[in-house]
Amino acid sequence: MGEVYLAENINLPGKRYAIKVLRGELTQIERYAQQLEGEAQRQGRLDHENIVQLYDYFRWQQRYCLIFPFVDGTTLAGLIRAQPGGLKEDWALKLMRDVLKGLNYAHEHGVLHCDVKPANVLVDKEQRARVTDFGIARDVGGATSVLGRVVGTPEYMSPEQISDPEHVDHRADVFSAGVVLFEMLTGRLPFSAKAGIKFPQLSSEPADIRDFRKDLTPQLARIVTTALQPDPVDRFQGCSAFEQAIIRYWRARRFRRTWLPVIAGVALVALASAIGFRQWVEGRARAERAETERIAQEEKQKNVVRARQTIEASIVTAIQQMGSLCRESTHLQSRQKALAMASDGGITELTAKFRAQIEDIRKNMADYSQGYSEAVGQLAKFDPALVKELLNAHPQADVESARFLDAVRSDYSALSEQHHGRSAEELLWTCSRQS
C-alpha cells in the first residue's frame, strides 16, 4: 500500500514515529479516498496496549500520510523465521493472548482487521505483542473488498472472506488468528498448498499441530482446530472466547504439572492399607460425581455464552449494515443530483457514468437492507429476555452507532410483536429520520 519511514520530531528530540505514505494512485480514486478518511477517523480511536495506535493522518503532495508510534522491536514474522521449528508453547500462547486482546478491543469498537498475519504483529522490547496495519482501505460497515477486489493475504484469509467478502464479521479475524497460532507453534501454515490451488482453505481440512510437534497436547490441538473451522458458526464466536480457551488450557496444564504428581503419591500410600484404599475409592467416586456435575454445569454455561456471543455478533452486524445502507443512501442522493445536472446540461458521457454509479449504489443498498433484515431476524431465534438484555447493554461507540442501535432495538420489538420485518423503503425512511 505504500512506504514506511522512521521519523524524529525536531521539536522533541528522541521522540520517534513511523510514517506510512500511501501510494498516490490509490488516493486519486474518490471512493477510496472517502473510505480512507472514514477508516482513519475510526481507527484513531483505538487506544489499547496491544494495538499500534494511529496518531494522525494528513495529505501531502496528493498522498496520504499516516502517523504511528515507532515500536522498537521486531515482527512476529521475524521471530517465526528465527525459530523455524516453532516457538516455545508458553511464549506462543502469551503472544497470541496479546493479539486476541487487541483484536477484541477493535471489534468492540466496530473495526475489523481482515489482514491478521505475523507481519502485522509487532513484538516490542517488553515482549508485548501489538497488532498493527488495520487495513485502512476496508469498509467497517462489513465489506472487505476495495474497488471490486478481495483484500487480504491469501494464506491467512478465512473461507468466507474469499467466497463472500462483502458479508464477513469479526469471526474472520478469529480464523486468521488461528492460522497465526498454528504457524507460531509449528513454523508452517495449516493448509497444504497444492499445484494450481490458490486458496486450499476452501477445500481441505487444517493439519494437526501434533503432526509437526509431538510435544504439544491434544487439548491445545483442539483449540487451534476450533479457531480454524471453515464455518464461522463452528469457530470461537469472538477473540475473547478464543483467549478464554487458552486461559483455561493454561490453568489445567499447571494443575496437571503441579498437583497430579502429589495426588499420585498420596494414592500410592493409600493403596498400602485396605482401609485407606477404601477411603480413597470412596473419595474418588465422590470427586467423579462432582466432576460430572461440574462438566454438565459448565456445558450449560457454555451454551449460554455461545448464545450471547451469537446475539452480540448479530447486533454488531445489524448496526454495521444499517450504517452502510444509510451512507449509500446519502451517496445515492448526491449522485442523483449530479445526474440531473449532467442531463440538463446535455453532457452525455457524464449522464451515462452517473446512471451506472446509481445502479451500483442501488444494488449495494439492496444487499445492506437484506443483511440488516437477516441480522435482526436472527435475534428472534433466541430467548427474548436475553436479547433485550444484550440490546440494552450493548456499548455505544459513538453518536451514529447509538442511533443505529436504537433502530435495531425498535425493529426487533416490532418483529417480535408483528412477526415480520420492515421493507427496504421503510429502512430508507429510517435513514432519513436518523440523519
Protein backbone atom coordinates (compact mmCIF):
# COMPACT_ATOMS: atom_id res chain seq x y z
CA MET A 1 0.00 0.00 0.00
CA GLY A 2 2.93 2.35 0.34
CA GLU A 3 6.24 3.11 2.08
CA VAL A 4 7.09 3.46 5.78
CA TYR A 5 9.61 5.98 7.14
CA LEU A 6 11.21 6.34 10.56
CA ALA A 7 10.86 9.98 11.63
CA GLU A 8 12.04 12.08 14.57
CA ASN A 9 10.21 15.11 15.94
CA ILE A 10 12.66 18.00 15.57
CA ASN A 11 10.98 19.85 18.44
CA LEU A 12 11.14 16.80 20.75
CA PRO A 13 14.50 15.06 20.15
CA GLY A 14 14.32 11.35 20.77
CA LYS A 15 10.57 11.18 20.07
CA ARG A 16 10.29 8.85 17.07
CA TYR A 17 7.38 7.89 14.83
CA ALA A 18 6.62 5.58 11.92
CA ILE A 19 5.13 7.47 8.96
CA LYS A 20 3.30 5.40 6.35
CA VAL A 21 2.95 7.16 2.98
CA LEU A 22 0.26 5.51 0.85
CA ARG A 23 0.62 5.06 -2.89
CA GLY A 24 -0.55 8.13 -4.78
CA GLU A 25 -2.58 6.23 -7.39
CA LEU A 26 -4.84 4.80 -4.66
CA THR A 27 -5.82 8.17 -3.23
CA GLN A 28 -6.67 9.51 -6.70
CA ILE A 29 -9.86 7.41 -6.58
CA GLU A 30 -12.66 9.36 -4.91
CA ARG A 31 -14.41 6.38 -3.33
CA TYR A 32 -11.15 5.03 -1.96
CA ALA A 33 -10.19 8.43 -0.53
CA GLN A 34 -13.57 8.71 1.21
CA GLN A 35 -13.21 5.22 2.71
CA LEU A 36 -9.68 6.04 3.81
CA GLU A 37 -10.73 9.16 5.71
CA GLY A 38 -13.61 7.37 7.44
CA GLU A 39 -11.41 4.42 8.44
CA ALA A 40 -8.62 6.69 9.71
CA GLN A 41 -11.08 8.55 11.95
CA ARG A 42 -12.41 5.29 13.40
CA GLN A 43 -9.01 3.69 13.91
CA GLY A 44 -7.65 6.81 15.57
CA ARG A 45 -9.97 5.97 18.47
CA LEU A 46 -8.38 2.53 19.01
CA ASP A 47 -6.30 3.19 22.12
CA HIS A 48 -5.16 -0.17 23.56
CA GLU A 49 -1.85 -1.53 24.79
CA ASN A 50 -1.94 -4.36 22.22
CA ILE A 51 -2.68 -2.11 19.22
CA VAL A 52 -0.31 0.27 17.44
CA GLN A 53 -2.50 3.36 17.55
CA LEU A 54 -2.98 5.68 14.59
CA TYR A 55 -1.97 9.13 15.88
CA ASP A 56 -2.85 11.31 12.91
CA TYR A 57 -3.21 11.48 9.13
CA PHE A 58 -2.92 14.23 6.51
CA ARG A 59 -2.48 14.75 2.78
CA TRP A 60 0.90 15.76 1.37
CA GLN A 61 1.54 16.17 -2.35
CA GLN A 62 -1.69 14.27 -3.17
CA ARG A 63 -0.67 11.35 -0.93
CA TYR A 64 -1.97 10.31 2.49
CA CYS A 65 0.45 10.14 5.39
CA LEU A 66 -0.45 8.05 8.46
CA ILE A 67 1.39 8.70 11.74
CA PHE A 68 2.04 5.83 14.18
CA PRO A 69 4.29 5.50 17.24
CA PHE A 70 7.59 3.80 16.48
CA VAL A 71 7.64 0.33 18.10
CA ASP A 72 11.22 -0.63 18.90
CA GLY A 73 11.31 -4.40 18.46
CA THR A 74 10.65 -6.94 15.73
CA THR A 75 7.76 -8.51 13.86
CA LEU A 76 6.21 -11.81 14.83
CA ALA A 77 7.15 -12.98 11.33
CA GLY A 78 10.79 -12.35 12.20
CA LEU A 79 10.52 -14.40 15.40
CA ILE A 80 8.97 -17.31 13.50
CA ARG A 81 11.72 -17.21 10.85
CA ALA A 82 14.32 -17.29 13.62
CA GLN A 83 12.75 -20.47 15.08
CA PRO A 84 11.50 -22.49 12.07
CA GLY A 85 10.56 -25.46 14.25
CA GLY A 86 8.05 -23.37 16.19
CA LEU A 87 8.17 -21.06 19.21
CA LYS A 88 8.07 -22.41 22.73
CA GLU A 89 4.49 -23.20 23.70
CA ASP A 90 4.25 -20.76 26.63
CA TRP A 91 5.79 -17.96 24.58
CA ALA A 92 3.48 -18.56 21.60
CA LEU A 93 0.35 -18.63 23.78
CA LYS A 94 1.36 -15.45 25.60
CA LEU A 95 1.84 -13.59 22.32
CA MET A 96 -1.44 -14.95 20.96
CA ARG A 97 -3.31 -13.70 24.04
CA ASP A 98 -1.89 -10.22 23.39
CA VAL A 99 -3.04 -10.36 19.76
CA LEU A 100 -6.53 -11.55 20.73
CA LYS A 101 -6.90 -8.79 23.32
CA GLY A 102 -6.06 -6.15 20.74
CA LEU A 103 -8.40 -7.63 18.11
CA ASN A 104 -11.26 -7.98 20.59
CA TYR A 105 -10.90 -4.31 21.58
CA ALA A 106 -11.04 -3.29 17.92
CA HIS A 107 -14.13 -5.45 17.31
CA GLU A 108 -15.90 -3.90 20.29
CA HIS A 109 -15.31 -0.51 18.67
CA GLY A 110 -16.65 -1.58 15.27
CA VAL A 111 -13.33 -2.09 13.45
CA LEU A 112 -12.37 -5.31 11.66
CA HIS A 113 -8.75 -6.07 10.76
CA CYS A 114 -9.19 -8.54 7.86
CA ASP A 115 -5.42 -8.96 7.39
CA VAL A 116 -4.18 -10.63 10.58
CA LYS A 117 -0.78 -12.21 9.92
CA PRO A 118 2.66 -12.39 11.62
CA ALA A 119 3.97 -9.46 9.55
CA ASN A 120 1.23 -7.26 11.05
CA VAL A 121 2.13 -8.09 14.67
CA LEU A 122 5.00 -6.20 16.32
CA VAL A 123 6.74 -7.51 19.45
CA ASP A 124 8.39 -4.71 21.44
CA LYS A 125 11.34 -4.89 23.82
CA GLU A 126 8.98 -5.57 26.74
CA GLN A 127 7.91 -8.75 24.87
CA ARG A 128 4.41 -7.36 24.31
CA ALA A 129 2.65 -8.16 21.05
CA ARG A 130 0.89 -5.25 19.34
CA VAL A 131 -1.35 -5.52 16.29
CA THR A 132 -0.75 -3.01 13.51
CA ASP A 133 -1.88 -2.18 9.94
CA PHE A 134 -5.65 -2.41 10.38
CA GLY A 135 -6.31 -2.27 6.65
CA ILE A 136 -7.09 1.42 6.14
CA ALA A 137 -8.86 0.61 2.84
CA ARG A 138 -11.53 -1.59 4.42
CA ASP A 139 -15.17 -0.63 4.92
CA VAL A 140 -16.04 -1.09 8.58
CA GLY A 141 -19.69 -1.48 7.53
CA GLY A 142 -18.96 -5.05 6.55
CA ALA A 143 -17.22 -5.04 3.15
CA THR A 144 -13.64 -6.25 2.76
CA SER A 145 -13.27 -5.54 -0.92
CA VAL A 146 -11.86 -2.40 -2.47
CA LEU A 147 -12.89 -1.44 -5.98
CA GLY A 148 -14.12 -4.96 -6.72
CA ARG A 149 -11.09 -6.85 -5.37
CA VAL A 150 -10.82 -9.23 -2.44
CA VAL A 151 -8.40 -7.74 0.09
CA GLY A 152 -6.18 -9.72 2.42
CA THR A 153 -3.25 -12.14 2.47
CA PRO A 154 -4.40 -15.43 0.84
CA GLU A 155 -2.70 -17.82 3.29
CA TYR A 156 -4.40 -16.19 6.30
CA MET A 157 -7.86 -15.35 4.90
CA SER A 158 -10.98 -17.09 6.20
CA PRO A 159 -13.12 -19.07 3.70
CA GLU A 160 -15.95 -16.51 3.86
CA GLN A 161 -13.51 -13.66 3.28
CA ILE A 162 -12.61 -15.34 -0.02
CA SER A 163 -16.01 -16.57 -1.20
CA ASP A 164 -18.27 -13.77 0.14
CA PRO A 165 -16.05 -10.78 1.00
CA GLU A 166 -18.96 -8.34 1.26
CA HIS A 167 -20.51 -10.14 4.25
CA VAL A 168 -17.83 -11.01 6.80
CA ASP A 169 -17.78 -10.23 10.50
CA HIS A 170 -15.28 -10.38 13.36
CA ARG A 171 -15.09 -14.18 13.16
CA ALA A 172 -12.95 -13.79 10.03
CA ASP A 173 -10.25 -12.34 12.30
CA VAL A 174 -10.70 -15.35 14.64
CA PHE A 175 -9.83 -17.67 11.73
CA SER A 176 -6.77 -15.64 10.73
CA ALA A 177 -5.57 -15.58 14.35
CA GLY A 178 -5.90 -19.38 14.36
CA VAL A 179 -3.62 -19.58 11.30
CA VAL A 180 -1.09 -17.34 13.08
CA LEU A 181 -1.15 -19.53 16.23
CA PHE A 182 -0.65 -22.67 14.11
CA GLU A 183 2.34 -21.03 12.42
CA MET A 184 3.83 -19.87 15.73
CA LEU A 185 3.66 -23.40 17.14
CA THR A 186 4.89 -25.30 14.06
CA GLY A 187 6.73 -22.84 11.82
CA ARG A 188 4.39 -23.68 8.91
CA LEU A 189 0.87 -22.98 7.65
CA PRO A 190 -2.10 -25.25 8.46
CA PHE A 191 -3.29 -25.79 4.87
CA SER A 192 -1.15 -27.61 2.33
CA ALA A 193 -0.80 -25.63 -0.89
CA LYS A 194 -1.42 -27.80 -3.94
CA ALA A 195 -0.46 -27.03 -7.52
CA GLY A 196 -2.97 -24.68 -9.14
CA ILE A 197 -4.95 -24.10 -5.91
CA LYS A 198 -4.61 -20.56 -4.55
CA PHE A 199 -6.94 -20.99 -1.56
CA PRO A 200 -6.54 -24.52 -0.08
CA GLN A 201 -8.60 -23.49 2.99
CA LEU A 202 -11.70 -23.65 0.77
CA SER A 203 -11.34 -27.36 0.02
CA SER A 204 -9.14 -29.00 2.66
CA GLU A 205 -9.08 -29.56 6.40
CA PRO A 206 -6.35 -27.95 8.54
CA ALA A 207 -3.44 -30.13 9.62
CA ASP A 208 -2.99 -31.23 13.23
CA ILE A 209 -0.24 -29.31 15.07
CA ARG A 210 0.86 -32.63 16.59
CA ASP A 211 1.87 -33.87 13.14
CA PHE A 212 4.78 -31.41 13.40
CA ARG A 213 5.25 -31.08 17.20
CA LYS A 214 4.86 -34.30 19.20
CA ASP A 215 5.32 -32.37 22.47
CA LEU A 216 2.05 -30.46 22.01
CA THR A 217 -1.10 -31.76 23.68
CA PRO A 218 -4.43 -32.89 22.15
CA GLN A 219 -6.16 -30.18 24.20
CA LEU A 220 -4.10 -27.45 22.55
CA ALA A 221 -4.66 -29.05 19.14
CA ARG A 222 -8.44 -28.82 19.70
CA ILE A 223 -8.16 -25.10 20.47
CA VAL A 224 -6.28 -24.46 17.23
CA THR A 225 -8.66 -26.64 15.21
CA THR A 226 -11.70 -24.83 16.63
CA ALA A 227 -10.32 -21.47 15.52
CA LEU A 228 -9.73 -22.86 12.01
CA GLN A 229 -13.22 -24.24 11.36
CA PRO A 230 -14.42 -23.31 7.84
CA ASP A 231 -17.94 -22.41 9.05
CA PRO A 232 -17.88 -19.29 11.28
CA VAL A 233 -20.63 -20.80 13.46
CA ASP A 234 -18.31 -23.65 14.49
CA ARG A 235 -15.41 -21.37 15.48
CA PHE A 236 -14.87 -19.38 18.64
CA GLN A 237 -17.55 -16.70 18.38
CA GLY A 238 -15.12 -13.93 19.20
CA CYS A 239 -11.49 -13.24 20.07
CA SER A 240 -12.42 -13.04 23.75
CA ALA A 241 -13.79 -16.61 23.64
CA PHE A 242 -10.59 -17.70 21.85
CA GLU A 243 -8.46 -16.12 24.61
CA GLN A 244 -10.56 -17.69 27.37
CA ALA A 245 -9.99 -21.15 25.86
CA ILE A 246 -6.23 -20.54 26.04
CA ILE A 247 -6.51 -19.36 29.66
CA ARG A 248 -8.48 -22.49 30.68
CA TYR A 249 -5.90 -24.67 28.94
CA TRP A 250 -3.07 -22.91 30.76
CA ARG A 251 -4.71 -23.40 34.16
CA ALA A 252 -5.46 -27.07 33.52
CA ARG A 253 -1.89 -27.69 32.40
CA ARG A 254 -0.47 -26.05 35.56
CA PHE A 255 -2.72 -28.27 37.64
CA ARG A 256 -1.50 -31.39 35.86
CA ARG A 257 2.14 -30.39 36.28
CA THR A 258 1.92 -29.26 39.91
CA TRP A 259 -0.73 -31.28 41.67
CA LEU A 260 -1.19 -34.56 39.81
CA PRO A 261 2.22 -35.92 40.89
CA VAL A 262 1.34 -35.13 44.53
CA ILE A 263 -2.07 -36.81 44.18
CA ALA A 264 -0.44 -39.87 42.63
CA GLY A 265 1.96 -40.16 45.57
CA VAL A 266 -0.86 -39.93 48.09
CA ALA A 267 -2.80 -42.60 46.19
CA LEU A 268 0.17 -45.00 46.31
CA VAL A 269 0.46 -44.57 50.07
CA ALA A 270 -3.27 -45.15 50.48
CA LEU A 271 -3.08 -48.38 48.49
CA ALA A 272 -0.81 -49.88 51.19
CA SER A 273 -3.75 -50.09 53.57
CA ALA A 274 -7.14 -51.73 52.94
CA ILE A 275 -8.94 -49.07 54.96
CA GLY A 276 -7.02 -46.31 53.27
CA PHE A 277 -7.72 -47.83 49.86
CA ARG A 278 -11.44 -47.99 50.58
CA GLN A 279 -11.47 -44.37 51.67
CA TRP A 280 -9.55 -43.40 48.57
CA VAL A 281 -12.04 -45.22 46.32
CA GLU A 282 -14.99 -43.58 48.01
CA GLY A 283 -13.35 -40.18 47.76
CA ARG A 284 -12.55 -40.78 44.13
CA ALA A 285 -16.19 -41.70 43.41
CA ARG A 286 -17.38 -38.50 45.05
CA ALA A 287 -14.87 -36.49 43.09
CA GLU A 288 -16.00 -38.09 39.83
CA ARG A 289 -19.63 -37.32 40.61
CA ALA A 290 -18.70 -33.75 41.42
CA GLU A 291 -16.68 -33.52 38.22
CA THR A 292 -19.61 -34.90 36.19
CA GLU A 293 -21.91 -32.30 37.71
CA ARG A 294 -19.32 -29.59 37.12
CA ILE A 295 -18.92 -30.58 33.47
CA ALA A 296 -22.69 -30.57 32.98
CA GLN A 297 -22.96 -27.14 34.59
CA GLU A 298 -20.05 -25.85 32.53
CA GLU A 299 -21.63 -27.12 29.32
CA LYS A 300 -24.86 -25.37 30.25
CA GLN A 301 -22.93 -22.16 30.84
CA LYS A 302 -21.10 -22.62 27.53
CA ASN A 303 -24.42 -22.85 25.72
CA VAL A 304 -25.48 -19.57 27.31
CA VAL A 305 -22.14 -17.98 26.37
CA ARG A 306 -22.47 -19.21 22.77
CA ALA A 307 -25.98 -17.75 22.57
CA ARG A 308 -24.77 -14.42 23.97
CA GLN A 309 -21.86 -14.32 21.51
CA THR A 310 -24.12 -15.08 18.53
CA ILE A 311 -26.60 -12.41 19.65
CA GLU A 312 -23.79 -9.88 20.07
CA ALA A 313 -22.48 -10.74 16.59
CA SER A 314 -25.97 -10.23 15.11
CA ILE A 315 -26.35 -6.86 16.87
CA VAL A 316 -22.95 -5.67 15.57
CA THR A 317 -23.81 -6.88 12.06
CA ALA A 318 -27.20 -5.13 12.11
CA ILE A 319 -25.63 -1.84 13.21
CA GLN A 320 -22.94 -2.12 10.53
CA GLN A 321 -25.44 -2.97 7.78
CA MET A 322 -27.76 -0.08 8.76
CA GLY A 323 -24.81 2.31 8.77
CA SER A 324 -23.69 1.14 5.34
CA LEU A 325 -27.26 1.42 3.99
CA CYS A 326 -27.62 4.99 5.24
CA ARG A 327 -24.24 6.03 3.87
CA GLU A 328 -25.12 4.54 0.49
CA SER A 329 -28.48 6.37 0.63
CA THR A 330 -26.67 9.68 1.10
CA HIS A 331 -24.30 8.77 -1.71
CA LEU A 332 -27.32 7.97 -3.93
CA GLN A 333 -28.86 11.40 -3.34
CA SER A 334 -25.66 13.18 -4.33
CA ARG A 335 -25.32 11.09 -7.49
CA GLN A 336 -28.96 11.71 -8.42
CA LYS A 337 -28.39 15.47 -8.17
CA ALA A 338 -25.26 15.13 -10.28
CA LEU A 339 -27.21 13.09 -12.84
CA ALA A 340 -29.90 15.75 -13.09
CA MET A 341 -27.30 18.46 -13.65
CA ALA A 342 -25.46 16.41 -16.30
CA SER A 343 -28.71 15.55 -18.05
CA ASP A 344 -29.96 19.15 -18.05
CA GLY A 345 -26.60 20.27 -19.40
CA GLY A 346 -26.67 17.69 -22.18
CA ILE A 347 -23.39 16.09 -21.07
CA THR A 348 -23.97 12.59 -22.44
CA GLU A 349 -20.82 10.91 -21.13
CA LEU A 350 -21.32 12.11 -17.54
CA THR A 351 -25.02 11.25 -17.66
CA ALA A 352 -24.20 7.63 -18.57
CA LYS A 353 -21.49 7.46 -15.91
CA PHE A 354 -23.78 8.73 -13.14
CA ARG A 355 -26.54 6.34 -14.15
CA ALA A 356 -24.16 3.40 -13.91
CA GLN A 357 -22.98 4.58 -10.48
CA ILE A 358 -26.58 4.95 -9.29
CA GLU A 359 -27.33 1.39 -10.41
CA ASP A 360 -24.34 0.07 -8.42
CA ILE A 361 -25.39 2.06 -5.36
CA ARG A 362 -28.93 0.67 -5.54
CA LYS A 363 -27.55 -2.88 -5.66
CA ASN A 364 -25.38 -2.18 -2.62
CA MET A 365 -28.37 -0.74 -0.77
CA ALA A 366 -30.41 -3.87 -1.53
CA ASP A 367 -27.61 -6.06 -0.14
CA TYR A 368 -27.26 -3.94 3.01
CA SER A 369 -31.05 -3.91 3.52
CA GLN A 370 -31.19 -7.68 3.23
CA GLY A 371 -28.19 -8.10 5.52
CA TYR A 372 -29.80 -5.84 8.13
CA SER A 373 -33.12 -7.74 8.00
CA GLU A 374 -31.34 -11.10 8.30
CA ALA A 375 -29.33 -9.91 11.30
CA VAL A 376 -32.45 -8.62 13.10
CA GLY A 377 -34.32 -11.80 12.16
CA GLN A 378 -31.51 -13.86 13.69
CA LEU A 379 -32.20 -12.20 17.06
CA ALA A 380 -35.76 -13.59 17.02
CA LYS A 381 -34.36 -17.15 17.33
CA PHE A 382 -33.13 -16.57 20.88
CA ASP A 383 -34.66 -16.01 24.30
CA PRO A 384 -36.32 -12.55 24.18
CA ALA A 385 -35.19 -11.69 27.70
CA LEU A 386 -31.54 -12.40 26.81
CA VAL A 387 -31.79 -10.48 23.53
CA LYS A 388 -33.30 -7.42 25.25
CA GLU A 389 -30.65 -7.57 27.97
CA LEU A 390 -27.82 -7.54 25.42
CA LEU A 391 -29.51 -4.86 23.29
CA ASN A 392 -29.81 -2.62 26.34
CA ALA A 393 -26.24 -3.33 27.46
CA HIS A 394 -24.59 -3.05 24.03
CA PRO A 395 -21.83 -0.39 24.05
CA GLN A 396 -22.48 2.74 22.02
CA ALA A 397 -19.15 3.67 20.44
CA ASP A 398 -20.34 7.00 19.01
CA VAL A 399 -23.48 9.04 18.34
CA GLU A 400 -24.03 7.46 14.94
CA SER A 401 -23.73 3.90 16.26
CA ALA A 402 -26.09 4.80 19.13
CA ARG A 403 -28.76 5.93 16.67
CA PHE A 404 -28.45 2.77 14.64
CA LEU A 405 -28.60 0.69 17.82
CA ASP A 406 -31.91 2.38 18.69
CA ALA A 407 -33.21 1.37 15.25
CA VAL A 408 -32.19 -2.26 15.88
CA ARG A 409 -33.99 -2.24 19.24
CA SER A 410 -37.13 -0.81 17.68
CA ASP A 411 -37.13 -3.22 14.73
CA TYR A 412 -36.53 -6.21 16.98
CA SER A 413 -39.51 -5.24 19.16
CA ALA A 414 -41.69 -4.75 16.08
CA LEU A 415 -40.57 -8.09 14.63
CA SER A 416 -41.39 -9.86 17.92
CA GLU A 417 -44.89 -8.38 18.02
CA GLN A 418 -45.86 -8.41 14.31
CA HIS A 419 -43.86 -11.46 13.14
CA HIS A 420 -42.48 -9.60 10.13
CA GLY A 421 -39.72 -7.10 9.42
CA ARG A 422 -39.65 -3.81 7.56
CA SER A 423 -39.33 -3.28 3.84
CA ALA A 424 -36.30 -1.67 2.19
CA GLU A 425 -38.30 1.54 1.69
CA GLU A 426 -39.14 1.69 5.39
CA LEU A 427 -35.47 1.22 6.28
CA LEU A 428 -34.58 4.15 4.00
CA TRP A 429 -37.15 6.25 5.80
CA THR A 430 -35.29 5.40 8.99
CA CYS A 431 -32.04 6.58 7.39
CA SER A 432 -33.68 9.89 6.56
CA ARG A 433 -35.00 10.23 10.08
CA GLN A 434 -31.63 9.31 11.59
CA SER A 435 -29.81 11.94 9.57
